[in-house]
């Protein structure tokens, strides 16, 4: 999903598209930064609907994603 701005609707569509393609088991952990689009009720309801567990970095902690990003 692409848009000129990253809003809740964009991340919601991207997540739903990923779930549709990959069909992960319930209990999937979704990790993100603490951006407002990920903290929105709209997005959190989508995660709950698909049985995903939300994980967020702490504010100002830019290193907690380093392990996942090093697997690319």
C-alpha atoms as a PDB file:
ATOM      1  CA  UNK A   1       0.000   0.000   0.000  1.00  0.00           C
ATOM      2  CA  UNK A   2       1.300   3.423  -0.936  1.00  0.00           C
ATOM      3  CA  UNK A   3       0.258   6.969  -0.103  1.00  0.00           C
ATOM      4  CA  UNK A   4       2.016  10.302   0.172  1.00  0.00           C
ATOM      5  CA  UNK A   5       1.440  10.303   3.964  1.00  0.00           C
ATOM      6  CA  UNK A   6       1.565   7.496   6.507  1.00  0.00           C
ATOM      7  CA  UNK A   7      -1.819   7.577   8.224  1.00  0.00           C
ATOM      8  CA  UNK A   8      -3.808   4.921  10.093  1.00  0.00           C
ATOM      9  CA  UNK A   9      -5.738   3.916   6.958  1.00  0.00           C
ATOM     10  CA  UNK A  10      -2.502   3.190   5.095  1.00  0.00           C
ATOM     11  CA  UNK A  11      -1.001   0.955   7.785  1.00  0.00           C
ATOM     12  CA  UNK A  12      -4.360  -0.764   8.208  1.00  0.00           C
ATOM     13  CA  UNK A  13      -4.552  -1.602   4.485  1.00  0.00           C
ATOM     14  CA  UNK A  14      -0.923  -2.753   4.418  1.00  0.00           C
ATOM     15  CA  UNK A  15      -1.452  -5.016   7.451  1.00  0.00           C
ATOM     16  CA  UNK A  16      -4.651  -6.551   6.075  1.00  0.00           C
ATOM     17  CA  UNK A  17      -2.939  -7.151   2.722  1.00  0.00           C
ATOM     18  CA  UNK A  18       0.001  -8.851   4.461  1.00  0.00           C
ATOM     19  CA  UNK A  19      -2.336 -11.058   6.525  1.00  0.00           C
ATOM     20  CA  UNK A  20      -4.292 -12.005   3.417  1.00  0.00           C
ATOM     21  CA  UNK A  21      -1.101 -12.965   1.547  1.00  0.00           C
ATOM     22  CA  UNK A  22       0.825 -14.693   4.354  1.00  0.00           C
ATOM     23  CA  UNK A  23      -2.058 -16.118   6.425  1.00  0.00           C
ATOM     24  CA  UNK A  24      -0.162 -16.043   9.750  1.00  0.00           C
ATOM     25  CA  UNK A  25      -1.397 -17.971  12.769  1.00  0.00           C
ATOM     26  CA  UNK A  26      -3.227 -16.087  15.514  1.00  0.00           C
ATOM     27  CA  UNK A  27      -0.796 -14.758  18.068  1.00  0.00           C
ATOM     28  CA  UNK A  28       1.408 -12.990  15.525  1.00  0.00           C
ATOM     29  CA  UNK A  29       3.478 -10.249  17.184  1.00  0.00           C
ATOM     30  CA  UNK A  30       3.343  -6.941  15.304  1.00  0.00           C
ATOM     31  CA  UNK A  31       6.178  -4.626  16.340  1.00  0.00           C
ATOM     32  CA  UNK A  32       6.340  -0.954  15.387  1.00  0.00           C
ATOM     33  CA  UNK A  33       7.484   2.401  16.621  1.00  0.00           C
ATOM     34  CA  UNK A  34       5.025   4.414  18.695  1.00  0.00           C
ATOM     35  CA  UNK A  35       3.683   6.458  15.794  1.00  0.00           C
ATOM     36  CA  UNK A  36       0.130   7.709  16.103  1.00  0.00           C
ATOM     37  CA  UNK A  37      -0.970   5.621  13.104  1.00  0.00           C
ATOM     38  CA  UNK A  38      -0.028   2.409  14.970  1.00  0.00           C
ATOM     39  CA  UNK A  39      -1.591   3.579  18.243  1.00  0.00           C
ATOM     40  CA  UNK A  40      -4.918   4.545  16.649  1.00  0.00           C
ATOM     41  CA  UNK A  41      -8.044   2.689  17.708  1.00  0.00           C
ATOM     42  CA  UNK A  42      -8.707   1.887  14.045  1.00  0.00           C
ATOM     43  CA  UNK A  43      -5.406   0.038  13.648  1.00  0.00           C
ATOM     44  CA  UNK A  44      -5.489  -1.594  17.088  1.00  0.00           C
ATOM     45  CA  UNK A  45      -8.955  -2.999  16.308  1.00  0.00           C
ATOM     46  CA  UNK A  46      -7.603  -4.551  13.084  1.00  0.00           C
ATOM     47  CA  UNK A  47      -4.782  -6.208  15.042  1.00  0.00           C
ATOM     48  CA  UNK A  48      -7.265  -7.525  17.603  1.00  0.00           C
ATOM     49  CA  UNK A  49      -9.602  -8.801  14.876  1.00  0.00           C
ATOM     50  CA  UNK A  50      -6.745 -10.820  13.340  1.00  0.00           C
ATOM     51  CA  UNK A  51      -5.481 -12.099  16.710  1.00  0.00           C
ATOM     52  CA  UNK A  52      -2.225 -10.149  16.518  1.00  0.00           C
ATOM     53  CA  UNK A  53      -0.337  -8.974  19.588  1.00  0.00           C
ATOM     54  CA  UNK A  54       0.908  -5.408  19.433  1.00  0.00           C
ATOM     55  CA  UNK A  55       4.455  -4.560  20.473  1.00  0.00           C
ATOM     56  CA  UNK A  56       5.765  -0.985  20.404  1.00  0.00           C
ATOM     57  CA  UNK A  57       9.167   0.547  20.903  1.00  0.00           C
ATOM     58  CA  UNK A  58       9.585   2.971  23.705  1.00  0.00           C
ATOM     59  CA  UNK A  59       9.733   6.634  22.827  1.00  0.00           C
ATOM     60  CA  UNK A  60      13.261   7.636  21.847  1.00  0.00           C
ATOM     61  CA  UNK A  61      14.576   4.046  21.656  1.00  0.00           C
ATOM     62  CA  UNK A  62      15.903   3.750  18.132  1.00  0.00           C
ATOM     63  CA  UNK A  63      17.848   0.528  18.773  1.00  0.00           C
ATOM     64  CA  UNK A  64      15.074  -1.931  19.660  1.00  0.00           C
ATOM     65  CA  UNK A  65      14.403  -2.676  15.971  1.00  0.00           C
ATOM     66  CA  UNK A  66      18.074  -3.314  15.195  1.00  0.00           C
ATOM     67  CA  UNK A  67      17.844  -7.105  15.566  1.00  0.00           C
ATOM     68  CA  UNK A  68      14.866  -7.466  13.212  1.00  0.00           C
ATOM     69  CA  UNK A  69      16.317  -5.027  10.706  1.00  0.00           C
ATOM     70  CA  UNK A  70      19.649  -6.879  10.646  1.00  0.00           C
ATOM     71  CA  UNK A  71      17.865 -10.004   9.305  1.00  0.00           C
ATOM     72  CA  UNK A  72      17.129  -8.412   5.944  1.00  0.00           C
END
